């Protein structure tokens, strides 16, 4: 839905942000662990953002087009 509704000029940014929000929301919804839900959501959002950044960097290194 995000890809369909977002304007093309900001599509990669909007899809990345919505994906991170969904990751953080999913982590808050799942039970378990000793850390608070907020800490868990922050951890998942941080590592998700890092993974997206590394993926984008590798794609740019190999000339992938977004």
Protein backbone atom coordinates (compact mmCIF):
# COMPACT_ATOMS: atom_id res chain seq x y z
CA UNK A 1 0.00 0.00 0.00
CA UNK A 2 2.84 2.37 0.79
CA UNK A 3 4.43 1.87 -2.62
CA UNK A 4 1.10 2.53 -4.30
CA UNK A 5 0.21 5.64 -2.30
CA UNK A 6 3.56 7.42 -1.93
CA UNK A 7 4.67 9.91 -4.57
CA UNK A 8 7.46 8.60 -6.81
CA UNK A 9 9.83 11.42 -5.86
CA UNK A 10 10.08 10.23 -2.24
CA UNK A 11 9.16 6.57 -2.66
CA UNK A 12 12.41 4.99 -1.33
CA UNK A 13 12.41 7.22 1.75
CA UNK A 14 8.73 6.65 2.54
CA UNK A 15 8.96 2.88 2.06
CA UNK A 16 12.04 2.73 4.32
CA UNK A 17 10.38 4.77 7.07
CA UNK A 18 7.14 2.80 6.96
CA UNK A 19 9.11 -0.45 7.05
CA UNK A 20 11.01 0.69 10.15
CA UNK A 21 7.78 1.76 11.84
CA UNK A 22 6.23 -1.62 11.07
CA UNK A 23 9.30 -3.43 12.45
CA UNK A 24 9.17 -1.40 15.65
CA UNK A 25 5.42 -1.89 15.99
CA UNK A 26 5.73 -5.63 15.43
CA UNK A 27 8.40 -5.84 18.15
CA UNK A 28 6.19 -3.94 20.61
CA UNK A 29 3.28 -6.25 19.87
CA UNK A 30 5.22 -9.50 20.40
CA UNK A 31 5.54 -10.72 24.00
CA UNK A 32 8.74 -12.01 25.51
CA UNK A 33 12.18 -11.04 26.68
CA UNK A 34 13.21 -9.13 29.76
CA UNK A 35 13.70 -5.74 28.12
CA UNK A 36 10.84 -3.29 27.92
CA UNK A 37 8.83 -3.15 24.72
CA UNK A 38 10.23 0.30 23.96
CA UNK A 39 13.83 -0.90 24.27
CA UNK A 40 13.08 -3.89 22.07
CA UNK A 41 11.36 -1.76 19.45
CA UNK A 42 14.28 0.66 19.44
CA UNK A 43 16.75 -2.17 19.05
CA UNK A 44 14.83 -3.70 16.15
CA UNK A 45 14.43 -0.30 14.46
CA UNK A 46 18.16 0.47 14.86
CA UNK A 47 19.35 -2.84 13.42
CA UNK A 48 16.71 -2.69 10.70
CA UNK A 49 17.88 0.78 9.68
CA UNK A 50 21.49 -0.41 9.70
CA UNK A 51 20.61 -3.39 7.51
CA UNK A 52 18.73 -1.14 5.07
CA UNK A 53 21.69 1.22 4.91
CA UNK A 54 24.18 -1.57 4.27
CA UNK A 55 21.90 -3.02 1.59
CA UNK A 56 21.58 0.38 -0.10
CA UNK A 57 25.36 0.90 0.04
CA UNK A 58 26.08 -2.50 -1.50
CA UNK A 59 23.46 -1.88 -4.17
CA UNK A 60 25.00 1.48 -5.00
CA UNK A 61 28.48 -0.11 -5.06
CA UNK A 62 27.31 -2.61 -7.68
CA UNK A 63 25.30 -0.05 -9.64
CA UNK A 64 21.80 -1.19 -8.73
CA UNK A 65 19.04 1.20 -9.68
CA UNK A 66 16.26 1.92 -7.18
